[in-house]
Amino acid sequence: MPRLATEDAEIGGQKIRAGEGVVAMLAMANRDGSVFRDPELFDPARREAHRHLAFGFGLHQCIGQPLARAELRVALVELARRFPGLRSERALADVPQRPMAVTFGVAELPVMW
């Protein structure tokens, strides 16, 4: 997301002068250590998960967010109901990640039941 600074600013100790170009790495927003404890750790039970920016924020929040969350909730509950013994084949620490992708996350999650 390239942008042009309209006035002098300082972000994270870095001075940015008016007219300089900046790039916002939105994929990094949910890895802010001041917001998320252990931001590099995949933790589906994370207490501060509601603070992530996957659906935008405020005025720019995705209008489909409630539907997407409801669909995911229904799908996960039904998956757990149909496969009560469903579990990962690997320890969470051994699940391969996609660290270089635009959307960070799990590369694969082999399961068994």
PDB file of N, CA and C in Angstrom:
ATOM      1  N   MET A   1       0.830  -1.171   0.000  1.00  0.00           N
ATOM      2  CA  MET A   1       0.000   0.000   0.000  1.00  0.00           C
ATOM      3  C   MET A   1       0.881   1.243   0.000  1.00  0.00           C
ATOM      4  N   PRO A   2       1.373   1.639  -1.125  1.00  0.00           N
ATOM      5  CA  PRO A   2       2.245   2.821  -1.158  1.00  0.00           C
ATOM      6  C   PRO A   2       1.449   4.099  -0.887  1.00  0.00           C
ATOM      7  N   ARG A   3       2.054   4.979  -0.121  1.00  0.00           N
ATOM      8  CA  ARG A   3       1.445   6.267   0.227  1.00  0.00           C
ATOM      9  C   ARG A   3       2.518   7.342   0.197  1.00  0.00           C
ATOM     10  N   LEU A   4       2.076   8.587   0.146  1.00  0.00           N
ATOM     11  CA  LEU A   4       2.979   9.737   0.158  1.00  0.00           C
ATOM     12  C   LEU A   4       2.681  10.545   1.418  1.00  0.00           C
ATOM     13  N   ALA A   5       3.702  10.802   2.222  1.00  0.00           N
ATOM     14  CA  ALA A   5       3.523  11.575   3.452  1.00  0.00           C
ATOM     15  C   ALA A   5       3.175  13.016   3.099  1.00  0.00           C
ATOM     16  N   THR A   6       2.116  13.539   3.702  1.00  0.00           N
ATOM     17  CA  THR A   6       1.693  14.919   3.422  1.00  0.00           C
ATOM     18  C   THR A   6       2.301  15.918   4.404  1.00  0.00           C
ATOM     19  N   GLU A   7       2.831  15.397   5.504  1.00  0.00           N
ATOM     20  CA  GLU A   7       3.495  16.263   6.485  1.00  0.00           C
ATOM     21  C   GLU A   7       4.558  15.448   7.212  1.00  0.00           C
ATOM     22  N   ASP A   8       5.483  16.134   7.852  1.00  0.00           N
ATOM     23  CA  ASP A   8       6.517  15.446   8.613  1.00  0.00           C
ATOM     24  C   ASP A   8       5.873  14.639   9.745  1.00  0.00           C
ATOM     25  N   ALA A   9       6.433  13.464   9.991  1.00  0.00           N
ATOM     26  CA  ALA A   9       5.907  12.603  11.051  1.00  0.00           C
ATOM     27  C   ALA A   9       7.032  11.717  11.556  1.00  0.00           C
ATOM     28  N   GLU A  10       6.786  11.100  12.702  1.00  0.00           N
ATOM     29  CA  GLU A  10       7.716  10.116  13.247  1.00  0.00           C
ATOM     30  C   GLU A  10       6.893   8.905  13.669  1.00  0.00           C
ATOM     31  N   ILE A  11       7.256   7.747  13.148  1.00  0.00           N
ATOM     32  CA  ILE A  11       6.546   6.510  13.467  1.00  0.00           C
ATOM     33  C   ILE A  11       7.572   5.481  13.914  1.00  0.00           C
ATOM     34  N   GLY A  12       7.403   4.986  15.119  1.00  0.00           N
ATOM     35  CA  GLY A  12       8.317   3.980  15.641  1.00  0.00           C
ATOM     36  C   GLY A  12       9.768   4.443  15.656  1.00  0.00           C
ATOM     37  N   GLY A  13       9.982   5.728  15.898  1.00  0.00           N
ATOM     38  CA  GLY A  13      11.333   6.275  15.949  1.00  0.00           C
ATOM     39  C   GLY A  13      11.912   6.621  14.574  1.00  0.00           C
ATOM     40  N   GLN A  14      11.177   6.357  13.517  1.00  0.00           N
ATOM     41  CA  GLN A  14      11.633   6.652  12.155  1.00  0.00           C
ATOM     42  C   GLN A  14      11.024   7.968  11.680  1.00  0.00           C
ATOM     43  N   LYS A  15      11.878   8.929  11.319  1.00  0.00           N
ATOM     44  CA  LYS A  15      11.379  10.209  10.834  1.00  0.00           C
ATOM     45  C   LYS A  15      10.992  10.080   9.364  1.00  0.00           C
ATOM     46  N   ILE A  16       9.826  10.605   9.043  1.00  0.00           N
ATOM     47  CA  ILE A  16       9.325  10.615   7.666  1.00  0.00           C
ATOM     48  C   ILE A  16       9.036  12.066   7.321  1.00  0.00           C
ATOM     49  N   ARG A  17       9.619  12.528   6.232  1.00  0.00           N
ATOM     50  CA  ARG A  17       9.429  13.924   5.835  1.00  0.00           C
ATOM     51  C   ARG A  17       8.296  14.036   4.824  1.00  0.00           C
ATOM     52  N   ALA A  18       7.638  15.170   4.835  1.00  0.00           N
ATOM     53  CA  ALA A  18       6.568  15.431   3.871  1.00  0.00           C
ATOM     54  C   ALA A  18       7.108  15.210   2.464  1.00  0.00           C
ATOM     55  N   GLY A  19       6.357  14.499   1.645  1.00  0.00           N
ATOM     56  CA  GLY A  19       6.762  14.223   0.270  1.00  0.00           C
ATOM     57  C   GLY A  19       7.461  12.885   0.098  1.00  0.00           C
ATOM     58  N   GLU A  20       7.899  12.261   1.182  1.00  0.00           N
ATOM     59  CA  GLU A  20       8.556  10.956   1.088  1.00  0.00           C
ATOM     60  C   GLU A  20       7.511   9.858   0.930  1.00  0.00           C
ATOM     61  N   GLY A  21       7.902   8.833   0.226  1.00  0.00           N
ATOM     62  CA  GLY A  21       7.021   7.689   0.048  1.00  0.00           C
ATOM     63  C   GLY A  21       7.126   6.730   1.219  1.00  0.00           C
ATOM     64  N   VAL A  22       6.017   6.119   1.556  1.00  0.00           N
ATOM     65  CA  VAL A  22       5.975   5.112   2.607  1.00  0.00           C
ATOM     66  C   VAL A  22       5.131   3.937   2.103  1.00  0.00           C
ATOM     67  N   VAL A  23       5.364   2.768   2.681  1.00  0.00           N
ATOM     68  CA  VAL A  23       4.588   1.585   2.323  1.00  0.00           C
ATOM     69  C   VAL A  23       4.019   0.993   3.610  1.00  0.00           C
ATOM     70  N   ALA A  24       2.706   0.830   3.647  1.00  0.00           N
ATOM     71  CA  ALA A  24       2.052   0.212   4.804  1.00  0.00           C
ATOM     72  C   ALA A  24       1.975  -1.292   4.554  1.00  0.00           C
ATOM     73  N   MET A  25       2.567  -2.059   5.423  1.00  0.00           N
ATOM     74  CA  MET A  25       2.534  -3.521   5.316  1.00  0.00           C
ATOM     75  C   MET A  25       1.347  -4.015   6.134  1.00  0.00           C
ATOM     76  N   LEU A  26       0.164  -4.039   5.528  1.00  0.00           N
ATOM     77  CA  LEU A  26      -1.045  -4.398   6.254  1.00  0.00           C
ATOM     78  C   LEU A  26      -0.996  -5.817   6.801  1.00  0.00           C
ATOM     79  N   ALA A  27      -0.302  -6.713   6.122  1.00  0.00           N
ATOM     80  CA  ALA A  27      -0.201  -8.089   6.597  1.00  0.00           C
ATOM     81  C   ALA A  27       0.538  -8.164   7.930  1.00  0.00           C
ATOM     82  N   MET A  28       1.300  -7.138   8.267  1.00  0.00           N
ATOM     83  CA  MET A  28       2.036  -7.124   9.524  1.00  0.00           C
ATOM     84  C   MET A  28       1.217  -6.543  10.676  1.00  0.00           C
ATOM     85  N   ALA A  29       0.063  -5.971  10.390  1.00  0.00           N
ATOM     86  CA  ALA A  29      -0.724  -5.291  11.413  1.00  0.00           C
ATOM     87  C   ALA A  29      -1.100  -6.215  12.568  1.00  0.00           C
ATOM     88  N   ASN A  30      -1.371  -7.465  12.277  1.00  0.00           N
ATOM     89  CA  ASN A  30      -1.796  -8.393  13.327  1.00  0.00           C
ATOM     90  C   ASN A  30      -0.622  -9.046  14.042  1.00  0.00           C
ATOM     91  N   ARG A  31       0.566  -8.557  13.799  1.00  0.00           N
ATOM     92  CA  ARG A  31       1.765  -9.099  14.449  1.00  0.00           C
ATOM     93  C   ARG A  31       2.435  -8.054  15.336  1.00  0.00           C
ATOM     94  N   ASP A  32       1.656  -7.105  15.793  1.00  0.00           N
ATOM     95  CA  ASP A  32       2.156  -6.028  16.635  1.00  0.00           C
ATOM     96  C   ASP A  32       2.284  -6.520  18.074  1.00  0.00           C
ATOM     97  N   GLY A  33       3.515  -6.602  18.556  1.00  0.00           N
ATOM     98  CA  GLY A  33       3.780  -7.087  19.904  1.00  0.00           C
ATOM     99  C   GLY A  33       3.193  -6.213  20.997  1.00  0.00           C
ATOM    100  N   SER A  34       2.888  -4.958  20.702  1.00  0.00           N
ATOM    101  CA  SER A  34       2.269  -4.093  21.712  1.00  0.00           C
ATOM    102  C   SER A  34       0.765  -4.353  21.816  1.00  0.00           C
ATOM    103  N   VAL A  35       0.203  -5.092  20.867  1.00  0.00           N
ATOM    104  CA  VAL A  35      -1.222  -5.424  20.876  1.00  0.00           C
ATOM    105  C   VAL A  35      -1.444  -6.897  21.196  1.00  0.00           C
ATOM    106  N   PHE A  36      -0.604  -7.761  20.603  1.00  0.00           N
ATOM    107  CA  PHE A  36      -0.777  -9.202  20.737  1.00  0.00           C
ATOM    108  C   PHE A  36       0.406  -9.825  21.463  1.00  0.00           C
ATOM    109  N   ARG A  37       0.123 -10.548  22.551  1.00  0.00           N
ATOM    110  CA  ARG A  37       1.174 -11.277  23.247  1.00  0.00           C
ATOM    111  C   ARG A  37       1.612 -12.422  22.339  1.00  0.00           C
ATOM    112  N   ASP A  38       2.900 -12.633  22.192  1.00  0.00           N
ATOM    113  CA  ASP A  38       3.453 -13.668  21.308  1.00  0.00           C
ATOM    114  C   ASP A  38       2.839 -13.581  19.917  1.00  0.00           C
ATOM    115  N   PRO A  39       3.003 -12.456  19.213  1.00  0.00           N
ATOM    116  CA  PRO A  39       2.329 -12.260  17.934  1.00  0.00           C
ATOM    117  C   PRO A  39       2.719 -13.264  16.842  1.00  0.00           C
ATOM    118  N   GLU A  40       3.867 -13.903  16.960  1.00  0.00           N
ATOM    119  CA  GLU A  40       4.302 -14.865  15.946  1.00  0.00           C
ATOM    120  C   GLU A  40       3.715 -16.258  16.179  1.00  0.00           C
ATOM    121  N   LEU A  41       3.072 -16.455  17.314  1.00  0.00           N
ATOM    122  CA  LEU A  41       2.533 -17.759  17.685  1.00  0.00           C
ATOM    123  C   LEU A  41       1.096 -17.904  17.192  1.00  0.00           C
ATOM    124  N   PHE A  42       0.789 -19.014  16.508  1.00  0.00           N
ATOM    125  CA  PHE A  42      -0.588 -19.306  16.120  1.00  0.00           C
ATOM    126  C   PHE A  42      -1.331 -19.771  17.363  1.00  0.00           C
ATOM    127  N   ASP A  43      -2.353 -19.020  17.757  1.00  0.00           N
ATOM    128  CA  ASP A  43      -3.101 -19.346  18.966  1.00  0.00           C
ATOM    129  C   ASP A  43      -4.582 -19.077  18.710  1.00  0.00           C
ATOM    130  N   PRO A  44      -5.338 -20.114  18.328  1.00  0.00           N
ATOM    131  CA  PRO A  44      -6.753 -19.905  18.031  1.00  0.00           C
ATOM    132  C   PRO A  44      -7.569 -19.461  19.241  1.00  0.00           C
ATOM    133  N   ALA A  45      -7.056 -19.640  20.443  1.00  0.00           N
ATOM    134  CA  ALA A  45      -7.768 -19.228  21.651  1.00  0.00           C
ATOM    135  C   ALA A  45      -7.259 -17.878  22.177  1.00  0.00           C
ATOM    136  N   ARG A  46      -6.565 -17.148  21.351  1.00  0.00           N
ATOM    137  CA  ARG A  46      -5.976 -15.860  21.753  1.00  0.00           C
ATOM    138  C   ARG A  46      -7.044 -14.925  22.325  1.00  0.00           C
ATOM    139  N   ARG A  47      -6.789 -14.371  23.491  1.00  0.00           N
ATOM    140  CA  ARG A  47      -7.760 -13.484  24.146  1.00  0.00           C
ATOM    141  C   ARG A  47      -7.983 -12.191  23.366  1.00  0.00           C
ATOM    142  N   GLU A  48      -6.950 -11.661  22.757  1.00  0.00           N
ATOM    143  CA  GLU A  48      -7.072 -10.382  22.071  1.00  0.00           C
ATOM    144  C   GLU A  48      -7.362 -10.546  20.578  1.00  0.00           C
ATOM    145  N   ALA A  49      -7.873 -11.713  20.177  1.00  0.00           N
ATOM    146  CA  ALA A  49      -8.143 -11.990  18.762  1.00  0.00           C
ATOM    147  C   ALA A  49      -9.123 -10.985  18.160  1.00  0.00           C
ATOM    148  N   HIS A  50     -10.021 -10.459  18.954  1.00  0.00           N
ATOM    149  CA  HIS A  50     -11.006  -9.494  18.460  1.00  0.00           C
ATOM    150  C   HIS A  50     -10.363  -8.189  17.988  1.00  0.00           C
ATOM    151  N   ARG A  51      -9.086  -7.999  18.276  1.00  0.00           N
ATOM    152  CA  ARG A  51      -8.400  -6.758  17.903  1.00  0.00           C
ATOM    153  C   ARG A  51      -7.660  -6.861  16.575  1.00  0.00           C
ATOM    154  N   HIS A  52      -7.749  -8.010  15.902  1.00  0.00           N
ATOM    155  CA  HIS A  52      -7.046  -8.141  14.626  1.00  0.00           C
ATOM    156  C   HIS A  52      -7.730  -7.300  13.549  1.00  0.00           C
ATOM    157  N   LEU A  53      -7.034  -7.060  12.454  1.00  0.00           N
ATOM    158  CA  LEU A  53      -7.530  -6.156  11.417  1.00  0.00           C
ATOM    159  C   LEU A  53      -7.923  -6.861  10.123  1.00  0.00           C
ATOM    160  N   ALA A  54      -8.220  -8.151  10.183  1.00  0.00           N
ATOM    161  CA  ALA A  54      -8.528  -8.895   8.967  1.00  0.00           C
ATOM    162  C   ALA A  54      -9.718  -8.318   8.195  1.00  0.00           C
ATOM    163  N   PHE A  55     -10.659  -7.729   8.892  1.00  0.00           N
ATOM    164  CA  PHE A  55     -11.850  -7.184   8.237  1.00  0.00           C
ATOM    165  C   PHE A  55     -11.852  -5.657   8.214  1.00  0.00           C
ATOM    166  N   GLY A  56     -10.702  -5.056   8.401  1.00  0.00           N
ATOM    167  CA  GLY A  56     -10.654  -3.609   8.441  1.00  0.00           C
ATOM    168  C   GLY A  56     -11.045  -3.114   9.823  1.00  0.00           C
ATOM    169  N   PHE A  57     -11.295  -1.811   9.927  1.00  0.00           N
ATOM    170  CA  PHE A  57     -11.608  -1.234  11.227  1.00  0.00           C
ATOM    171  C   PHE A  57     -12.414   0.044  11.043  1.00  0.00           C
ATOM    172  N   GLY A  58     -13.319   0.299  11.963  1.00  0.00           N
ATOM    173  CA  GLY A  58     -14.081   1.544  11.960  1.00  0.00           C
ATOM    174  C   GLY A  58     -14.891   1.738  10.695  1.00  0.00           C
ATOM    175  N   LEU A  59     -14.813   2.918  10.129  1.00  0.00           N
ATOM    176  CA  LEU A  59     -15.562   3.275   8.929  1.00  0.00           C
ATOM    177  C   LEU A  59     -15.233   2.349   7.752  1.00  0.00           C
ATOM    178  N   HIS A  60     -14.017   1.827   7.729  1.00  0.00           N
ATOM    179  CA  HIS A  60     -13.575   0.981   6.621  1.00  0.00           C
ATOM    180  C   HIS A  60     -13.710  -0.510   6.939  1.00  0.00           C
ATOM    181  N   GLN A  61     -14.541  -0.847   7.884  1.00  0.00           N
ATOM    182  CA  GLN A  61     -14.739  -2.247   8.253  1.00  0.00           C
ATOM    183  C   GLN A  61     -15.579  -2.941   7.181  1.00  0.00           C
ATOM    184  N   CYS A  62     -15.212  -4.165   6.867  1.00  0.00           N
ATOM    185  CA  CYS A  62     -15.894  -4.955   5.847  1.00  0.00           C
ATOM    186  C   CYS A  62     -17.358  -5.180   6.219  1.00  0.00           C
ATOM    187  N   ILE A  63     -18.255  -4.881   5.306  1.00  0.00           N
ATOM    188  CA  ILE A  63     -19.680  -5.040   5.566  1.00  0.00           C
ATOM    189  C   ILE A  63     -20.062  -6.517   5.693  1.00  0.00           C
ATOM    190  N   GLY A  64     -19.248  -7.410   5.143  1.00  0.00           N
ATOM    191  CA  GLY A  64     -19.524  -8.843   5.207  1.00  0.00           C
ATOM    192  C   GLY A  64     -18.964  -9.530   6.436  1.00  0.00           C
ATOM    193  N   GLN A  65     -18.330  -8.773   7.335  1.00  0.00           N
ATOM    194  CA  GLN A  65     -17.703  -9.368   8.510  1.00  0.00           C
ATOM    195  C   GLN A  65     -18.669 -10.206   9.351  1.00  0.00           C
ATOM    196  N   PRO A  66     -19.840  -9.714   9.721  1.00  0.00           N
ATOM    197  CA  PRO A  66     -20.729 -10.544  10.546  1.00  0.00           C
ATOM    198  C   PRO A  66     -21.114 -11.858   9.859  1.00  0.00           C
ATOM    199  N   LEU A  67     -21.362 -11.822   8.554  1.00  0.00           N
ATOM    200  CA  LEU A  67     -21.709 -13.044   7.833  1.00  0.00           C
ATOM    201  C   LEU A  67     -20.526 -14.008   7.806  1.00  0.00           C
ATOM    202  N   ALA A  68     -19.329 -13.519   7.531  1.00  0.00           N
ATOM    203  CA  ALA A  68     -18.143 -14.379   7.485  1.00  0.00           C
ATOM    204  C   ALA A  68     -17.887 -15.027   8.845  1.00  0.00           C
ATOM    205  N   ARG A  69     -18.025 -14.264   9.906  1.00  0.00           N
ATOM    206  CA  ARG A  69     -17.820 -14.815  11.254  1.00  0.00           C
ATOM    207  C   ARG A  69     -18.891 -15.865  11.586  1.00  0.00           C
ATOM    208  N   ALA A  70     -20.137 -15.586  11.217  1.00  0.00           N
ATOM    209  CA  ALA A  70     -21.220 -16.542  11.475  1.00  0.00           C
ATOM    210  C   ALA A  70     -21.003 -17.833  10.686  1.00  0.00           C
ATOM    211  N   GLU A  71     -20.612 -17.713   9.410  1.00  0.00           N
ATOM    212  CA  GLU A  71     -20.357 -18.909   8.597  1.00  0.00           C
ATOM    213  C   GLU A  71     -19.232 -19.746   9.190  1.00  0.00           C
ATOM    214  N   LEU A  72     -18.177 -19.087   9.614  1.00  0.00           N
ATOM    215  CA  LEU A  72     -17.049 -19.807  10.200  1.00  0.00           C
ATOM    216  C   LEU A  72     -17.461 -20.496  11.498  1.00  0.00           C
ATOM    217  N   ARG A  73     -18.227 -19.799  12.330  1.00  0.00           N
ATOM    218  CA  ARG A  73     -18.691 -20.377  13.591  1.00  0.00           C
ATOM    219  C   ARG A  73     -19.546 -21.620  13.319  1.00  0.00           C
ATOM    220  N   VAL A  74     -20.480 -21.529  12.385  1.00  0.00           N
ATOM    221  CA  VAL A  74     -21.344 -22.661  12.043  1.00  0.00           C
ATOM    222  C   VAL A  74     -20.503 -23.818  11.502  1.00  0.00           C
ATOM    223  N   ALA A  75     -19.570 -23.508  10.592  1.00  0.00           N
ATOM    224  CA  ALA A  75     -18.742 -24.556   9.990  1.00  0.00           C
ATOM    225  C   ALA A  75     -17.888 -25.271  11.034  1.00  0.00           C
ATOM    226  N   LEU A  76     -17.268 -24.536  11.935  1.00  0.00           N
ATOM    227  CA  LEU A  76     -16.406 -25.159  12.939  1.00  0.00           C
ATOM    228  C   LEU A  76     -17.199 -25.967  13.956  1.00  0.00           C
ATOM    229  N   VAL A  77     -18.345 -25.465  14.353  1.00  0.00           N
ATOM    230  CA  VAL A  77     -19.185 -26.213  15.298  1.00  0.00           C
ATOM    231  C   VAL A  77     -19.667 -27.502  14.646  1.00  0.00           C
ATOM    232  N   GLU A  78     -20.091 -27.438  13.385  1.00  0.00           N
ATOM    233  CA  GLU A  78     -20.569 -28.628  12.691  1.00  0.00           C
ATOM    234  C   GLU A  78     -19.431 -29.625  12.465  1.00  0.00           C
ATOM    235  N   LEU A  79     -18.254 -29.141  12.133  1.00  0.00           N
ATOM    236  CA  LEU A  79     -17.090 -30.012  11.967  1.00  0.00           C
ATOM    237  C   LEU A  79     -16.793 -30.759  13.269  1.00  0.00           C
ATOM    238  N   ALA A  80     -16.820 -30.044  14.374  1.00  0.00           N
ATOM    239  CA  ALA A  80     -16.573 -30.670  15.682  1.00  0.00           C
ATOM    240  C   ALA A  80     -17.678 -31.666  16.037  1.00  0.00           C
ATOM    241  N   ARG A  81     -18.913 -31.365  15.653  1.00  0.00           N
ATOM    242  CA  ARG A  81     -20.025 -32.270  15.945  1.00  0.00           C
ATOM    243  C   ARG A  81     -19.902 -33.561  15.130  1.00  0.00           C
ATOM    244  N   ARG A  82     -19.549 -33.433  13.856  1.00  0.00           N
ATOM    245  CA  ARG A  82     -19.469 -34.610  12.984  1.00  0.00           C
ATOM    246  C   ARG A  82     -18.218 -35.450  13.224  1.00  0.00           C
ATOM    247  N   PHE A  83     -17.154 -34.802  13.659  1.00  0.00           N
ATOM    248  CA  PHE A  83     -15.888 -35.505  13.903  1.00  0.00           C
ATOM    249  C   PHE A  83     -15.396 -35.173  15.306  1.00  0.00           C
ATOM    250  N   PRO A  84     -16.018 -35.733  16.336  1.00  0.00           N
ATOM    251  CA  PRO A  84     -15.668 -35.354  17.709  1.00  0.00           C
ATOM    252  C   PRO A  84     -14.225 -35.690  18.085  1.00  0.00           C
ATOM    253  N   GLY A  85     -13.606 -36.650  17.409  1.00  0.00           N
ATOM    254  CA  GLY A  85     -12.227 -37.002  17.718  1.00  0.00           C
ATOM    255  C   GLY A  85     -11.206 -36.312  16.821  1.00  0.00           C
ATOM    256  N   LEU A  86     -11.645 -35.340  16.036  1.00  0.00           N
ATOM    257  CA  LEU A  86     -10.750 -34.646  15.105  1.00  0.00           C
ATOM    258  C   LEU A  86      -9.611 -33.974  15.863  1.00  0.00           C
ATOM    259  N   ARG A  87      -8.387 -34.213  15.409  1.00  0.00           N
ATOM    260  CA  ARG A  87      -7.215 -33.605  16.046  1.00  0.00           C
ATOM    261  C   ARG A  87      -6.092 -33.485  15.027  1.00  0.00           C
ATOM    262  N   SER A  88      -5.160 -32.636  15.313  1.00  0.00           N
ATOM    263  CA  SER A  88      -4.010 -32.437  14.432  1.00  0.00           C
ATOM    264  C   SER A  88      -3.083 -33.647  14.496  1.00  0.00           C
ATOM    265  N   GLU A  89      -2.510 -33.999  13.355  1.00  0.00           N
ATOM    266  CA  GLU A  89      -1.520 -35.076  13.320  1.00  0.00           C
ATOM    267  C   GLU A  89      -0.196 -34.630  13.927  1.00  0.00           C
ATOM    268  N   ARG A  90       0.015 -33.329  13.979  1.00  0.00           N
ATOM    269  CA  ARG A  90       1.293 -32.783  14.441  1.00  0.00           C
ATOM    270  C   ARG A  90       1.077 -31.886  15.655  1.00  0.00           C
ATOM    271  N   ALA A  91       2.138 -31.722  16.410  1.00  0.00           N
ATOM    272  CA  ALA A  91       2.114 -30.739  17.498  1.00  0.00           C
ATOM    273  C   ALA A  91       2.001 -29.356  16.863  1.00  0.00           C
ATOM    274  N   LEU A  92       1.346 -28.450  17.539  1.00  0.00           N
ATOM    275  CA  LEU A  92       1.147 -27.111  16.999  1.00  0.00           C
ATOM    276  C   LEU A  92       2.461 -26.464  16.559  1.00  0.00           C
ATOM    277  N   ALA A  93       3.522 -26.690  17.303  1.00  0.00           N
ATOM    278  CA  ALA A  93       4.831 -26.113  16.960  1.00  0.00           C
ATOM    279  C   ALA A  93       5.385 -26.679  15.657  1.00  0.00           C
ATOM    280  N   ASP A  94       4.899 -27.853  15.236  1.00  0.00           N
ATOM    281  CA  ASP A  94       5.405 -28.499  14.023  1.00  0.00           C
ATOM    282  C   ASP A  94       4.529 -28.260  12.793  1.00  0.00           C
ATOM    283  N   VAL A  95       3.461 -27.508  12.939  1.00  0.00           N
ATOM    284  CA  VAL A  95       2.575 -27.226  11.804  1.00  0.00           C
ATOM    285  C   VAL A  95       3.265 -26.194  10.905  1.00  0.00           C
ATOM    286  N   PRO A  96       3.448 -26.506   9.610  1.00  0.00           N
ATOM    287  CA  PRO A  96       4.145 -25.574   8.720  1.00  0.00           C
ATOM    288  C   PRO A  96       3.359 -24.276   8.507  1.00  0.00           C
ATOM    289  N   GLN A  97       4.082 -23.172   8.559  1.00  0.00           N
ATOM    290  CA  GLN A  97       3.487 -21.844   8.394  1.00  0.00           C
ATOM    291  C   GLN A  97       3.837 -21.268   7.026  1.00  0.00           C
ATOM    292  N   ARG A  98       3.107 -20.245   6.621  1.00  0.00           N
ATOM    293  CA  ARG A  98       3.397 -19.483   5.409  1.00  0.00           C
ATOM    294  C   ARG A  98       3.925 -18.117   5.820  1.00  0.00           C
ATOM    295  N   PRO A  99       5.184 -18.028   6.241  1.00  0.00           N
ATOM    296  CA  PRO A  99       5.686 -16.767   6.773  1.00  0.00           C
ATOM    297  C   PRO A  99       5.965 -15.694   5.722  1.00  0.00           C
ATOM    298  N   MET A 100       6.065 -16.080   4.461  1.00  0.00           N
ATOM    299  CA  MET A 100       6.417 -15.107   3.433  1.00  0.00           C
ATOM    300  C   MET A 100       5.220 -14.728   2.560  1.00  0.00           C
ATOM    301  N   ALA A 101       4.048 -15.210   2.894  1.00  0.00           N
ATOM    302  CA  ALA A 101       2.859 -14.942   2.094  1.00  0.00           C
ATOM    303  C   ALA A 101       2.263 -13.586   2.453  1.00  0.00           C
ATOM    304  N   VAL A 102       1.442 -13.054   1.560  1.00  0.00           N
ATOM    305  CA  VAL A 102       0.738 -11.808   1.847  1.00  0.00           C
ATOM    306  C   VAL A 102      -0.200 -12.038   3.027  1.00  0.00           C
ATOM    307  N   THR A 103      -0.850 -13.188   3.053  1.00  0.00           N
ATOM    308  CA  THR A 103      -1.703 -13.563   4.173  1.00  0.00           C
ATOM    309  C   THR A 103      -0.976 -14.631   4.961  1.00  0.00           C
ATOM    310  N   PHE A 104      -0.544 -14.279   6.146  1.00  0.00           N
ATOM    311  CA  PHE A 104       0.174 -15.221   6.994  1.00  0.00           C
ATOM    312  C   PHE A 104      -0.789 -16.293   7.470  1.00  0.00           C
ATOM    313  N   GLY A 105      -0.258 -17.449   7.814  1.00  0.00           N
ATOM    314  CA  GLY A 105      -1.121 -18.487   8.359  1.00  0.00           C
ATOM    315  C   GLY A 105      -0.514 -19.854   8.224  1.00  0.00           C
ATOM    316  N   VAL A 106      -1.363 -20.828   8.430  1.00  0.00           N
ATOM    317  CA  VAL A 106      -0.957 -22.219   8.380  1.00  0.00           C
ATOM    318  C   VAL A 106      -0.868 -22.658   6.916  1.00  0.00           C
ATOM    319  N   ALA A 107       0.233 -23.303   6.547  1.00  0.00           N
ATOM    320  CA  ALA A 107       0.389 -23.785   5.173  1.00  0.00           C
ATOM    321  C   ALA A 107      -0.445 -25.041   4.942  1.00  0.00           C
ATOM    322  N   GLU A 108      -0.486 -25.892   5.939  1.00  0.00           N
ATOM    323  CA  GLU A 108      -1.298 -27.110   5.888  1.00  0.00           C
ATOM    324  C   GLU A 108      -1.531 -27.577   7.311  1.00  0.00           C
ATOM    325  N   LEU A 109      -2.603 -28.319   7.498  1.00  0.00           N
ATOM    326  CA  LEU A 109      -2.911 -28.823   8.826  1.00  0.00           C
ATOM    327  C   LEU A 109      -3.454 -30.247   8.691  1.00  0.00           C
ATOM    328  N   PRO A 110      -2.558 -31.223   8.584  1.00  0.00           N
ATOM    329  CA  PRO A 110      -3.008 -32.609   8.500  1.00  0.00           C
ATOM    330  C   PRO A 110      -3.715 -33.000   9.803  1.00  0.00           C
ATOM    331  N   VAL A 111      -4.878 -33.657   9.643  1.00  0.00           N
ATOM    332  CA  VAL A 111      -5.673 -34.035  10.810  1.00  0.00           C
ATOM    333  C   VAL A 111      -5.979 -35.519  10.780  1.00  0.00           C
ATOM    334  N   MET A 112      -6.411 -36.035  11.908  1.00  0.00           N
ATOM    335  CA  MET A 112      -6.861 -37.431  12.007  1.00  0.00           C
ATOM    336  C   MET A 112      -8.036 -37.475  12.965  1.00  0.00           C
ATOM    337  N   TRP A 113      -8.794 -38.572  12.885  1.00  0.00           N
ATOM    338  CA  TRP A 113      -9.919 -38.765  13.809  1.00  0.00           C
ATOM    339  C   TRP A 113     -10.160 -40.218  14.057  1.00  0.00           C
TER     340      TRP A 113
END
